[in-house]
Amino acid sequence: MPLKLLSANHGAALAATLAARANRTGRGFCGGVYPITPSTECMEYLCLQEIEKGRVLKVESEHSAMGVCIGAAAAGARTFTATSSNGLAYMAENCIAAALLRLPVVLAVANRTLGPPWNIWADHGDSLLLRDQGLIQFYCADNQELFDTVLCAFRLAEDAAVVGLLPQDRYPMPTKRM
């Protein structure tokens, strides 16, 4: 088998694509995408993928990208988006809403410093902005770890114990007495 070098952006998009394809019998996949450096390549690569049951929607802002993911996750679809820096700050309101609703949205963040001054240096200040808002955050050291973590993030996000759902067979709904 030939080796293929994938960038971190391509690895995240490929992992999201594989998770989307693995969900063919479920309610599908949906991704809201808006480009922002340095995560633009992730969105571009994801848009090129063929997903049998789902769509990747190009939207007008990061805020809308997370809004698409919130709607799709509420309908039961697997969802994914990626962002960075000021884009994450712009979508913060919707990230907090998704966390409060315990929606299983997977978000890849290519860490980049928030301005001022405007720059593109690596920094965790953008993702740490949402540190205490109910989001589970993983930080990856290399491309392979990122690929594996995105795949695992879908499994973790859909776990009933993490989402806060109670199994219906263990905790049945009370019946109305007359």
Protein backbone atom coordinates (compact mmCIF):
# COMPACT_ATOMS: atom_id res chain seq x y z
CA MET A 1 0.00 0.00 0.00
CA PRO A 2 1.51 3.36 -0.97
CA LEU A 3 2.05 5.96 1.69
CA LYS A 4 0.34 9.28 1.23
CA LEU A 5 1.22 12.44 3.11
CA LEU A 6 -1.84 14.40 4.19
CA SER A 7 -1.81 17.87 5.62
CA ALA A 8 -3.68 18.37 8.88
CA ASN A 9 -6.47 20.18 7.02
CA HIS A 10 -6.86 17.35 4.53
CA GLY A 11 -6.69 14.80 7.35
CA ALA A 12 -9.53 16.49 9.25
CA ALA A 13 -11.66 16.71 6.09
CA LEU A 14 -10.94 13.08 5.16
CA ALA A 15 -11.85 11.88 8.66
CA ALA A 16 -15.11 13.86 8.49
CA THR A 17 -15.82 12.35 5.08
CA LEU A 18 -15.24 8.81 6.35
CA ALA A 19 -17.53 9.48 9.33
CA ALA A 20 -20.16 10.82 6.93
CA ARG A 21 -19.93 7.75 4.69
CA ALA A 22 -20.11 5.42 7.68
CA ASN A 23 -23.43 7.03 8.65
CA ARG A 24 -25.30 5.92 5.51
CA THR A 25 -28.03 4.18 7.48
CA GLY A 26 -28.39 7.09 9.90
CA ARG A 27 -29.83 10.50 9.23
CA GLY A 28 -26.94 11.54 7.05
CA PHE A 29 -24.26 14.18 7.26
CA CYS A 30 -24.21 17.96 7.01
CA GLY A 31 -21.38 20.44 7.11
CA GLY A 32 -21.56 24.20 7.06
CA VAL A 33 -18.39 25.70 5.61
CA TYR A 34 -16.84 29.13 5.31
CA PRO A 35 -13.16 29.63 4.50
CA ILE A 36 -10.74 31.28 6.91
CA THR A 37 -6.97 30.91 6.99
CA PRO A 38 -5.42 28.50 7.99
CA SER A 39 -8.40 26.10 7.87
CA THR A 40 -9.49 26.99 4.31
CA GLU A 41 -7.91 23.87 2.80
CA CYS A 42 -10.00 21.69 5.12
CA MET A 43 -13.21 23.21 3.79
CA GLU A 44 -12.04 23.08 0.17
CA TYR A 45 -11.09 19.40 0.47
CA LEU A 46 -14.37 18.54 2.21
CA CYS A 47 -16.35 20.22 -0.59
CA LEU A 48 -14.62 17.97 -3.15
CA GLN A 49 -15.65 14.75 -1.39
CA GLU A 50 -18.57 12.61 -2.47
CA ILE A 51 -20.89 11.94 0.44
CA GLU A 52 -23.67 9.49 -0.36
CA LYS A 53 -26.20 10.75 2.17
CA GLY A 54 -25.54 14.33 3.06
CA ARG A 55 -24.37 17.74 1.97
CA VAL A 56 -21.72 20.31 2.57
CA LEU A 57 -23.24 23.78 2.47
CA LYS A 58 -21.19 26.85 1.59
CA VAL A 59 -22.48 29.72 3.69
CA GLU A 60 -21.80 33.44 4.09
CA SER A 61 -20.07 33.43 7.49
CA GLU A 62 -18.69 31.32 10.31
CA HIS A 63 -21.74 32.20 12.38
CA SER A 64 -23.94 30.67 9.67
CA ALA A 65 -21.66 27.63 9.35
CA MET A 66 -22.29 26.73 12.98
CA GLY A 67 -25.98 27.59 12.53
CA VAL A 68 -26.20 24.99 9.76
CA CYS A 69 -24.51 22.46 12.03
CA ILE A 70 -26.93 23.25 14.89
CA GLY A 71 -29.96 22.69 12.66
CA ALA A 72 -28.58 19.49 11.15
CA ALA A 73 -27.50 18.07 14.52
CA ALA A 74 -30.92 18.85 16.00
CA ALA A 75 -32.42 16.84 13.13
CA GLY A 76 -30.11 13.91 13.92
CA ALA A 77 -27.41 14.26 11.27
CA ARG A 78 -23.68 14.01 11.85
CA THR A 79 -22.22 17.48 11.54
CA PHE A 80 -18.78 18.97 10.97
CA THR A 81 -17.23 22.35 10.37
CA ALA A 82 -13.81 23.92 10.75
CA THR A 83 -12.62 27.40 11.56
CA SER A 84 -9.83 29.43 13.08
CA SER A 85 -9.10 32.55 15.07
CA ASN A 86 -11.48 35.42 14.40
CA GLY A 87 -13.87 33.01 12.66
CA LEU A 88 -14.20 31.06 15.90
CA ALA A 89 -14.78 34.29 17.79
CA TYR A 90 -17.52 35.18 15.29
CA MET A 91 -19.22 31.78 15.69
CA ALA A 92 -18.80 31.74 19.50
CA GLU A 93 -22.47 32.58 20.13
CA ASN A 94 -23.61 29.55 18.12
CA CYS A 95 -20.88 27.33 19.64
CA ILE A 96 -22.23 28.11 23.09
CA ALA A 97 -25.80 27.43 21.91
CA ALA A 98 -24.73 24.05 20.49
CA ALA A 99 -22.99 23.18 23.75
CA LEU A 100 -25.99 24.18 25.86
CA LEU A 101 -28.26 22.04 23.69
CA ARG A 102 -25.75 19.16 23.93
CA LEU A 103 -25.71 18.80 20.15
CA PRO A 104 -23.07 16.45 18.73
CA VAL A 105 -21.26 18.95 16.48
CA VAL A 106 -17.63 18.22 15.59
CA LEU A 107 -15.60 21.38 15.07
CA ALA A 108 -11.97 21.39 13.94
CA VAL A 109 -10.07 24.52 14.95
CA ALA A 110 -6.77 25.38 13.29
CA ASN A 111 -5.36 27.43 16.17
CA ARG A 112 -4.20 30.91 15.22
CA THR A 113 -3.76 33.97 17.35
CA LEU A 114 -6.48 36.54 17.68
CA GLY A 115 -5.43 40.08 16.72
CA PRO A 116 -4.31 42.75 17.46
CA PRO A 117 -1.93 43.07 15.86
CA TRP A 118 -3.17 41.03 12.97
CA ASN A 119 -0.96 38.01 12.43
CA ILE A 120 -1.09 34.33 11.56
CA TRP A 121 1.14 32.84 14.27
CA ALA A 122 0.05 29.68 16.03
CA ASP A 123 -1.64 30.34 19.37
CA HIS A 124 -4.32 28.62 21.45
CA GLY A 125 -6.04 31.85 22.46
CA ASP A 126 -8.81 31.35 19.91
CA SER A 127 -9.98 27.94 21.16
CA LEU A 128 -9.34 28.82 24.81
CA LEU A 129 -11.90 31.58 24.32
CA LEU A 130 -14.52 28.79 24.63
CA ARG A 131 -12.69 26.85 27.34
CA ASP A 132 -15.42 27.03 29.98
CA GLN A 133 -18.46 26.93 27.71
CA GLY A 134 -19.27 23.20 27.78
CA LEU A 135 -17.31 22.12 24.71
CA ILE A 136 -15.00 19.12 24.86
CA GLN A 137 -11.65 20.18 23.38
CA PHE A 138 -8.78 18.01 22.16
CA TYR A 139 -5.40 19.33 21.08
CA CYS A 140 -3.40 17.26 18.58
CA ALA A 141 0.34 17.06 18.11
CA ASP A 142 0.52 15.82 14.51
CA ASN A 143 -1.52 15.05 11.40
CA GLN A 144 -2.16 11.39 12.24
CA GLU A 145 -3.35 12.28 15.71
CA LEU A 146 -5.69 14.87 14.24
CA PHE A 147 -7.16 12.36 11.78
CA ASP A 148 -7.73 9.80 14.55
CA THR A 149 -9.14 12.40 16.93
CA VAL A 150 -11.71 13.70 14.44
CA LEU A 151 -12.95 10.14 13.88
CA CYS A 152 -13.13 9.53 17.63
CA ALA A 153 -14.83 12.90 18.17
CA PHE A 154 -17.86 11.76 16.17
CA ARG A 155 -18.15 8.63 18.33
CA LEU A 156 -17.72 10.61 21.52
CA ALA A 157 -20.16 13.35 20.49
CA GLU A 158 -22.87 10.76 19.80
CA ASP A 159 -22.41 8.86 23.08
CA ALA A 160 -25.59 9.12 25.16
CA ALA A 161 -23.60 9.48 28.40
CA VAL A 162 -21.71 12.47 27.00
CA VAL A 163 -24.72 14.10 25.40
CA GLY A 164 -26.66 13.69 28.63
CA LEU A 165 -29.46 11.52 27.32
CA LEU A 166 -30.94 8.81 29.47
CA PRO A 167 -31.51 5.39 27.89
CA GLN A 168 -35.26 5.02 27.43
CA ASP A 169 -35.29 1.36 28.43
CA ARG A 170 -33.60 2.13 31.75
CA TYR A 171 -35.50 5.27 32.59
CA PRO A 172 -38.97 5.05 31.00
CA MET A 173 -41.12 8.11 30.66
CA PRO A 174 -43.74 8.35 33.43
CA THR A 175 -47.24 7.44 32.36
CA LYS A 176 -50.14 9.76 32.97
CA ARG A 177 -52.58 8.47 35.61
CA MET A 178 -56.25 9.25 35.51
